[in-house]
Amino acid sequence: MTDDPARFRTEKSAASYGLGNKLARIIWVFAWTVLARWTPPPLWAWRRSLLRLFGAQVGRGAQVHASVRIWLPARLAIGRNALIGPRVTLYNQGRISIGERSVVSQGAHLCASSHNVRDPGFGLVEREIAVGSGCWIAAEAFVGPGVTMGDGAVLGARAVLFEDAEPMTIYRGNPATALKERQWRG
């Protein structure tokens, strides 16, 4: 059975972003490279200000490392006292929101878009990622499009999450599976 290509016209093709979007991203990459990428860790406030200038919602006390890669700040929300570690990629063609006190560790990758494989033109599908409060995405983990992590969820190192994560649950593996409930001691 062949799918009708016409039914996919509402999705964006990989090249369908307008000139304004493309220019905004070029200016953003240039600004981050010149004004932030070289800055030492203690300049958290400077990097927060720069992100806000480009449209990101960034909470007080959030720490974003200089080596972070962000596709477009206007589609990003980072809660208070969250930490975005070194070499994290926030590929936020779709919106990405990260809750307060959450940690995204070094080398993690959050990807809020995919392509429709039934569309001959592989139309782009943007799907929001929502990370709750008090979550931890460990080193080099991957969070796929459309995923919601409940408050307090943990994704282990190099794990790959394509399904929603329940609150206060620890996940590991590829694909990520629930390991056990997180016990809070505080």
C-alpha atoms as a PDB file:
ATOM      1  CA  MET A   1       0.000   0.000   0.000  1.00  0.00           C
ATOM      2  CA  THR A   2       1.435   3.378  -0.981  1.00  0.00           C
ATOM      3  CA  ASP A   3       0.858   6.479   1.114  1.00  0.00           C
ATOM      4  CA  ASP A   4      -0.457   9.555  -0.643  1.00  0.00           C
ATOM      5  CA  PRO A   5       2.381  12.136  -0.588  1.00  0.00           C
ATOM      6  CA  ALA A   6      -0.179  14.969  -0.517  1.00  0.00           C
ATOM      7  CA  ARG A   7      -1.221  14.091   3.037  1.00  0.00           C
ATOM      8  CA  PHE A   8       2.227  15.099   4.320  1.00  0.00           C
ATOM      9  CA  ARG A   9       2.215  18.643   2.984  1.00  0.00           C
ATOM     10  CA  THR A  10       1.424  20.153   6.377  1.00  0.00           C
ATOM     11  CA  GLU A  11       4.730  18.943   7.779  1.00  0.00           C
ATOM     12  CA  LYS A  12       7.858  20.952   7.251  1.00  0.00           C
ATOM     13  CA  SER A  13      10.487  19.724   4.864  1.00  0.00           C
ATOM     14  CA  ALA A  14      14.073  19.928   6.018  1.00  0.00           C
ATOM     15  CA  ALA A  15      14.500  23.063   3.919  1.00  0.00           C
ATOM     16  CA  SER A  16      11.220  24.767   4.809  1.00  0.00           C
ATOM     17  CA  TYR A  17      12.402  27.174   7.494  1.00  0.00           C
ATOM     18  CA  GLY A  18      12.052  30.734   6.293  1.00  0.00           C
ATOM     19  CA  LEU A  19      14.805  33.240   5.713  1.00  0.00           C
ATOM     20  CA  GLY A  20      14.081  34.953   9.040  1.00  0.00           C
ATOM     21  CA  ASN A  21      14.593  31.710  10.947  1.00  0.00           C
ATOM     22  CA  LYS A  22      17.799  30.937   9.070  1.00  0.00           C
ATOM     23  CA  LEU A  23      19.199  34.423   9.665  1.00  0.00           C
ATOM     24  CA  ALA A  24      18.283  34.258  13.362  1.00  0.00           C
ATOM     25  CA  ARG A  25      20.187  30.981  13.702  1.00  0.00           C
ATOM     26  CA  ILE A  26      23.229  32.327  11.857  1.00  0.00           C
ATOM     27  CA  ILE A  27      23.304  35.424  14.079  1.00  0.00           C
ATOM     28  CA  TRP A  28      22.784  33.230  17.162  1.00  0.00           C
ATOM     29  CA  VAL A  29      25.673  30.873  16.334  1.00  0.00           C
ATOM     30  CA  PHE A  30      27.946  33.820  15.588  1.00  0.00           C
ATOM     31  CA  ALA A  31      26.978  35.621  18.818  1.00  0.00           C
ATOM     32  CA  TRP A  32      27.403  32.511  21.005  1.00  0.00           C
ATOM     33  CA  THR A  33      30.780  31.727  19.396  1.00  0.00           C
ATOM     34  CA  VAL A  34      32.130  35.254  19.809  1.00  0.00           C
ATOM     35  CA  LEU A  35      30.523  36.243  23.106  1.00  0.00           C
ATOM     36  CA  ALA A  36      30.141  33.027  25.109  1.00  0.00           C
ATOM     37  CA  ARG A  37      31.883  29.928  23.792  1.00  0.00           C
ATOM     38  CA  TRP A  38      35.268  30.983  25.163  1.00  0.00           C
ATOM     39  CA  THR A  39      34.032  32.141  28.585  1.00  0.00           C
ATOM     40  CA  PRO A  40      35.114  30.389  31.801  1.00  0.00           C
ATOM     41  CA  PRO A  41      32.535  28.518  33.918  1.00  0.00           C
ATOM     42  CA  PRO A  42      31.963  31.291  36.519  1.00  0.00           C
ATOM     43  CA  LEU A  43      30.355  33.551  33.887  1.00  0.00           C
ATOM     44  CA  TRP A  44      26.944  31.850  34.279  1.00  0.00           C
ATOM     45  CA  ALA A  45      25.091  35.180  34.517  1.00  0.00           C
ATOM     46  CA  TRP A  46      26.631  36.439  31.265  1.00  0.00           C
ATOM     47  CA  ARG A  47      25.562  33.318  29.361  1.00  0.00           C
ATOM     48  CA  ARG A  48      22.052  33.457  30.895  1.00  0.00           C
ATOM     49  CA  SER A  49      21.755  37.073  29.717  1.00  0.00           C
ATOM     50  CA  LEU A  50      22.888  36.207  26.218  1.00  0.00           C
ATOM     51  CA  LEU A  51      20.384  33.346  25.990  1.00  0.00           C
ATOM     52  CA  ARG A  52      17.585  35.645  27.196  1.00  0.00           C
ATOM     53  CA  LEU A  53      18.593  38.273  24.636  1.00  0.00           C
ATOM     54  CA  PHE A  54      17.977  35.662  21.926  1.00  0.00           C
ATOM     55  CA  GLY A  55      14.584  34.664  23.332  1.00  0.00           C
ATOM     56  CA  ALA A  56      15.268  31.800  25.750  1.00  0.00           C
ATOM     57  CA  GLN A  57      13.440  31.630  29.054  1.00  0.00           C
ATOM     58  CA  VAL A  58      16.171  31.056  31.624  1.00  0.00           C
ATOM     59  CA  GLY A  59      15.534  30.896  35.360  1.00  0.00           C
ATOM     60  CA  ARG A  60      17.608  32.555  38.030  1.00  0.00           C
ATOM     61  CA  GLY A  61      20.679  30.550  39.011  1.00  0.00           C
ATOM     62  CA  ALA A  62      20.623  28.318  35.923  1.00  0.00           C
ATOM     63  CA  GLN A  63      24.095  27.284  34.805  1.00  0.00           C
ATOM     64  CA  VAL A  64      24.756  26.773  31.104  1.00  0.00           C
ATOM     65  CA  HIS A  65      28.264  25.750  30.094  1.00  0.00           C
ATOM     66  CA  ALA A  66      30.005  27.611  27.284  1.00  0.00           C
ATOM     67  CA  SER A  67      30.403  24.494  25.112  1.00  0.00           C
ATOM     68  CA  VAL A  68      26.645  23.830  24.918  1.00  0.00           C
ATOM     69  CA  ARG A  69      25.126  23.748  21.407  1.00  0.00           C
ATOM     70  CA  ILE A  70      21.625  25.217  21.080  1.00  0.00           C
ATOM     71  CA  TRP A  71      19.765  25.246  17.763  1.00  0.00           C
ATOM     72  CA  LEU A  72      17.516  28.243  18.535  1.00  0.00           C
ATOM     73  CA  PRO A  73      17.220  29.895  21.990  1.00  0.00           C
ATOM     74  CA  ALA A  74      13.668  31.141  21.329  1.00  0.00           C
ATOM     75  CA  ARG A  75      12.475  27.524  21.611  1.00  0.00           C
ATOM     76  CA  LEU A  76      14.192  26.846  24.929  1.00  0.00           C
ATOM     77  CA  ALA A  77      13.114  27.139  28.560  1.00  0.00           C
ATOM     78  CA  ILE A  78      15.494  26.339  31.429  1.00  0.00           C
ATOM     79  CA  GLY A  79      14.239  26.435  35.016  1.00  0.00           C
ATOM     80  CA  ARG A  80      15.827  27.963  38.101  1.00  0.00           C
ATOM     81  CA  ASN A  81      19.059  26.375  39.305  1.00  0.00           C
ATOM     82  CA  ALA A  82      19.162  23.878  36.426  1.00  0.00           C
ATOM     83  CA  LEU A  83      22.552  22.817  35.069  1.00  0.00           C
ATOM     84  CA  ILE A  84      23.308  22.231  31.390  1.00  0.00           C
ATOM     85  CA  GLY A  85      26.727  20.554  31.307  1.00  0.00           C
ATOM     86  CA  PRO A  86      29.665  20.719  28.919  1.00  0.00           C
ATOM     87  CA  ARG A  87      29.146  19.631  25.298  1.00  0.00           C
ATOM     88  CA  VAL A  88      25.381  19.149  25.674  1.00  0.00           C
ATOM     89  CA  THR A  89      23.416  19.421  22.427  1.00  0.00           C
ATOM     90  CA  LEU A  90      19.928  20.924  22.643  1.00  0.00           C
ATOM     91  CA  TYR A  91      18.625  20.345  19.115  1.00  0.00           C
ATOM     92  CA  ASN A  92      15.444  22.262  19.701  1.00  0.00           C
ATOM     93  CA  GLN A  93      13.726  22.569  16.356  1.00  0.00           C
ATOM     94  CA  GLY A  94      10.742  21.661  18.511  1.00  0.00           C
ATOM     95  CA  ARG A  95      10.548  23.278  21.956  1.00  0.00           C
ATOM     96  CA  ILE A  96      12.679  21.932  24.817  1.00  0.00           C
ATOM     97  CA  SER A  97      11.838  22.782  28.420  1.00  0.00           C
ATOM     98  CA  ILE A  98      14.033  21.751  31.350  1.00  0.00           C
ATOM     99  CA  GLY A  99      12.633  22.052  34.860  1.00  0.00           C
ATOM    100  CA  GLU A 100      14.192  23.696  37.869  1.00  0.00           C
ATOM    101  CA  ARG A 101      17.042  21.892  39.636  1.00  0.00           C
ATOM    102  CA  SER A 102      17.418  19.444  36.726  1.00  0.00           C
ATOM    103  CA  VAL A 103      20.844  18.391  35.484  1.00  0.00           C
ATOM    104  CA  VAL A 104      21.767  17.574  31.895  1.00  0.00           C
ATOM    105  CA  SER A 105      25.258  16.069  32.099  1.00  0.00           C
ATOM    106  CA  GLN A 106      28.189  16.305  29.714  1.00  0.00           C
ATOM    107  CA  GLY A 107      27.693  15.141  26.167  1.00  0.00           C
ATOM    108  CA  ALA A 108      23.950  14.487  26.489  1.00  0.00           C
ATOM    109  CA  HIS A 109      21.804  15.083  23.404  1.00  0.00           C
ATOM    110  CA  LEU A 110      18.158  16.212  23.428  1.00  0.00           C
ATOM    111  CA  CYS A 111      16.550  16.080  19.973  1.00  0.00           C
ATOM    112  CA  ALA A 112      13.058  17.591  19.613  1.00  0.00           C
ATOM    113  CA  SER A 113      12.420  16.696  15.978  1.00  0.00           C
ATOM    114  CA  SER A 114      12.455  13.812  13.554  1.00  0.00           C
ATOM    115  CA  HIS A 115      11.391  13.075  10.004  1.00  0.00           C
ATOM    116  CA  ASN A 116       8.324  11.332   8.662  1.00  0.00           C
ATOM    117  CA  VAL A 117       9.706   8.201   7.025  1.00  0.00           C
ATOM    118  CA  ARG A 118       6.409   7.619   5.150  1.00  0.00           C
ATOM    119  CA  ASP A 119       6.788  10.977   3.412  1.00  0.00           C
ATOM    120  CA  PRO A 120       8.887  10.768   0.223  1.00  0.00           C
ATOM    121  CA  GLY A 121      10.353  14.164   1.148  1.00  0.00           C
ATOM    122  CA  PHE A 122      11.036  13.108   4.765  1.00  0.00           C
ATOM    123  CA  GLY A 123       8.995  16.018   6.141  1.00  0.00           C
ATOM    124  CA  LEU A 124      10.230  17.400   9.431  1.00  0.00           C
ATOM    125  CA  VAL A 125       8.147  16.624  12.514  1.00  0.00           C
ATOM    126  CA  GLU A 126       8.752  18.892  15.517  1.00  0.00           C
ATOM    127  CA  ARG A 127       7.913  17.285  18.889  1.00  0.00           C
ATOM    128  CA  GLU A 128       8.457  19.025  22.219  1.00  0.00           C
ATOM    129  CA  ILE A 129      10.665  17.563  24.935  1.00  0.00           C
ATOM    130  CA  ALA A 130       9.632  18.345  28.521  1.00  0.00           C
ATOM    131  CA  VAL A 131      12.024  17.527  31.362  1.00  0.00           C
ATOM    132  CA  GLY A 132      10.446  17.922  34.793  1.00  0.00           C
ATOM    133  CA  SER A 133      11.955  19.379  37.953  1.00  0.00           C
ATOM    134  CA  GLY A 134      14.745  17.575  39.765  1.00  0.00           C
ATOM    135  CA  CYS A 135      15.588  15.278  36.839  1.00  0.00           C
ATOM    136  CA  TRP A 136      19.013  14.020  35.871  1.00  0.00           C
ATOM    137  CA  ILE A 137      20.029  13.151  32.322  1.00  0.00           C
ATOM    138  CA  ALA A 138      23.421  11.493  32.779  1.00  0.00           C
ATOM    139  CA  ALA A 139      26.519  11.664  30.585  1.00  0.00           C
ATOM    140  CA  GLU A 140      26.061  11.060  26.857  1.00  0.00           C
ATOM    141  CA  ALA A 141      22.408  10.032  27.180  1.00  0.00           C
ATOM    142  CA  PHE A 142      19.944  10.694  24.338  1.00  0.00           C
ATOM    143  CA  VAL A 143      16.381  11.972  24.737  1.00  0.00           C
ATOM    144  CA  GLY A 144      14.226  11.660  21.630  1.00  0.00           C
ATOM    145  CA  PRO A 145      11.397  13.762  20.202  1.00  0.00           C
ATOM    146  CA  GLY A 146       8.127  14.040  22.104  1.00  0.00           C
ATOM    147  CA  VAL A 147       9.481  12.661  25.381  1.00  0.00           C
ATOM    148  CA  THR A 148       8.294  13.879  28.772  1.00  0.00           C
ATOM    149  CA  MET A 149      10.362  13.088  31.857  1.00  0.00           C
ATOM    150  CA  GLY A 150       8.336  13.261  35.053  1.00  0.00           C
ATOM    151  CA  ASP A 151       9.690  15.142  38.077  1.00  0.00           C
ATOM    152  CA  GLY A 152      12.677  13.428  39.640  1.00  0.00           C
ATOM    153  CA  ALA A 153      13.223  10.925  36.796  1.00  0.00           C
ATOM    154  CA  VAL A 154      16.799   9.793  36.086  1.00  0.00           C
ATOM    155  CA  LEU A 155      18.200   8.649  32.727  1.00  0.00           C
ATOM    156  CA  GLY A 156      21.470   6.734  33.110  1.00  0.00           C
ATOM    157  CA  ALA A 157      24.698   7.342  31.233  1.00  0.00           C
ATOM    158  CA  ARG A 158      24.469   6.614  27.494  1.00  0.00           C
ATOM    159  CA  ALA A 159      20.843   5.529  27.809  1.00  0.00           C
ATOM    160  CA  VAL A 160      18.421   6.236  24.959  1.00  0.00           C
ATOM    161  CA  LEU A 161      14.914   7.426  25.872  1.00  0.00           C
ATOM    162  CA  PHE A 162      12.109   7.429  23.283  1.00  0.00           C
ATOM    163  CA  GLU A 163       9.160   6.873  25.649  1.00  0.00           C
ATOM    164  CA  ASP A 164       7.939   9.053  28.513  1.00  0.00           C
ATOM    165  CA  ALA A 165       9.719   8.561  31.840  1.00  0.00           C
ATOM    166  CA  GLU A 166       7.631   8.173  34.985  1.00  0.00           C
ATOM    167  CA  PRO A 167       8.340  10.516  37.914  1.00  0.00           C
ATOM    168  CA  MET A 168      10.939   9.390  40.468  1.00  0.00           C
ATOM    169  CA  THR A 169      12.026   6.422  38.323  1.00  0.00           C
ATOM    170  CA  ILE A 170      15.541   5.479  37.198  1.00  0.00           C
ATOM    171  CA  TYR A 171      16.010   4.382  33.572  1.00  0.00           C
ATOM    172  CA  ARG A 172      18.964   2.802  31.790  1.00  0.00           C
ATOM    173  CA  GLY A 173      19.839   1.068  28.535  1.00  0.00           C
ATOM    174  CA  ASN A 174      19.056   1.308  24.844  1.00  0.00           C
ATOM    175  CA  PRO A 175      16.147   1.519  24.577  1.00  0.00           C
ATOM    176  CA  ALA A 176      15.830   2.859  28.104  1.00  0.00           C
ATOM    177  CA  THR A 177      13.808   0.724  30.507  1.00  0.00           C
ATOM    178  CA  ALA A 178      12.783   1.398  34.083  1.00  0.00           C
ATOM    179  CA  LEU A 179      15.285  -0.012  36.556  1.00  0.00           C
ATOM    180  CA  LYS A 180      13.798   0.972  39.885  1.00  0.00           C
ATOM    181  CA  GLU A 181      12.014   3.694  41.768  1.00  0.00           C
ATOM    182  CA  ARG A 182      14.190   6.552  42.947  1.00  0.00           C
ATOM    183  CA  GLN A 183      14.315   6.842  46.715  1.00  0.00           C
ATOM    184  CA  TRP A 184      14.605  10.396  47.931  1.00  0.00           C
ATOM    185  CA  ARG A 185      16.616  11.051  51.043  1.00  0.00           C
ATOM    186  CA  GLY A 186      16.626  14.611  52.117  1.00  0.00           C
END
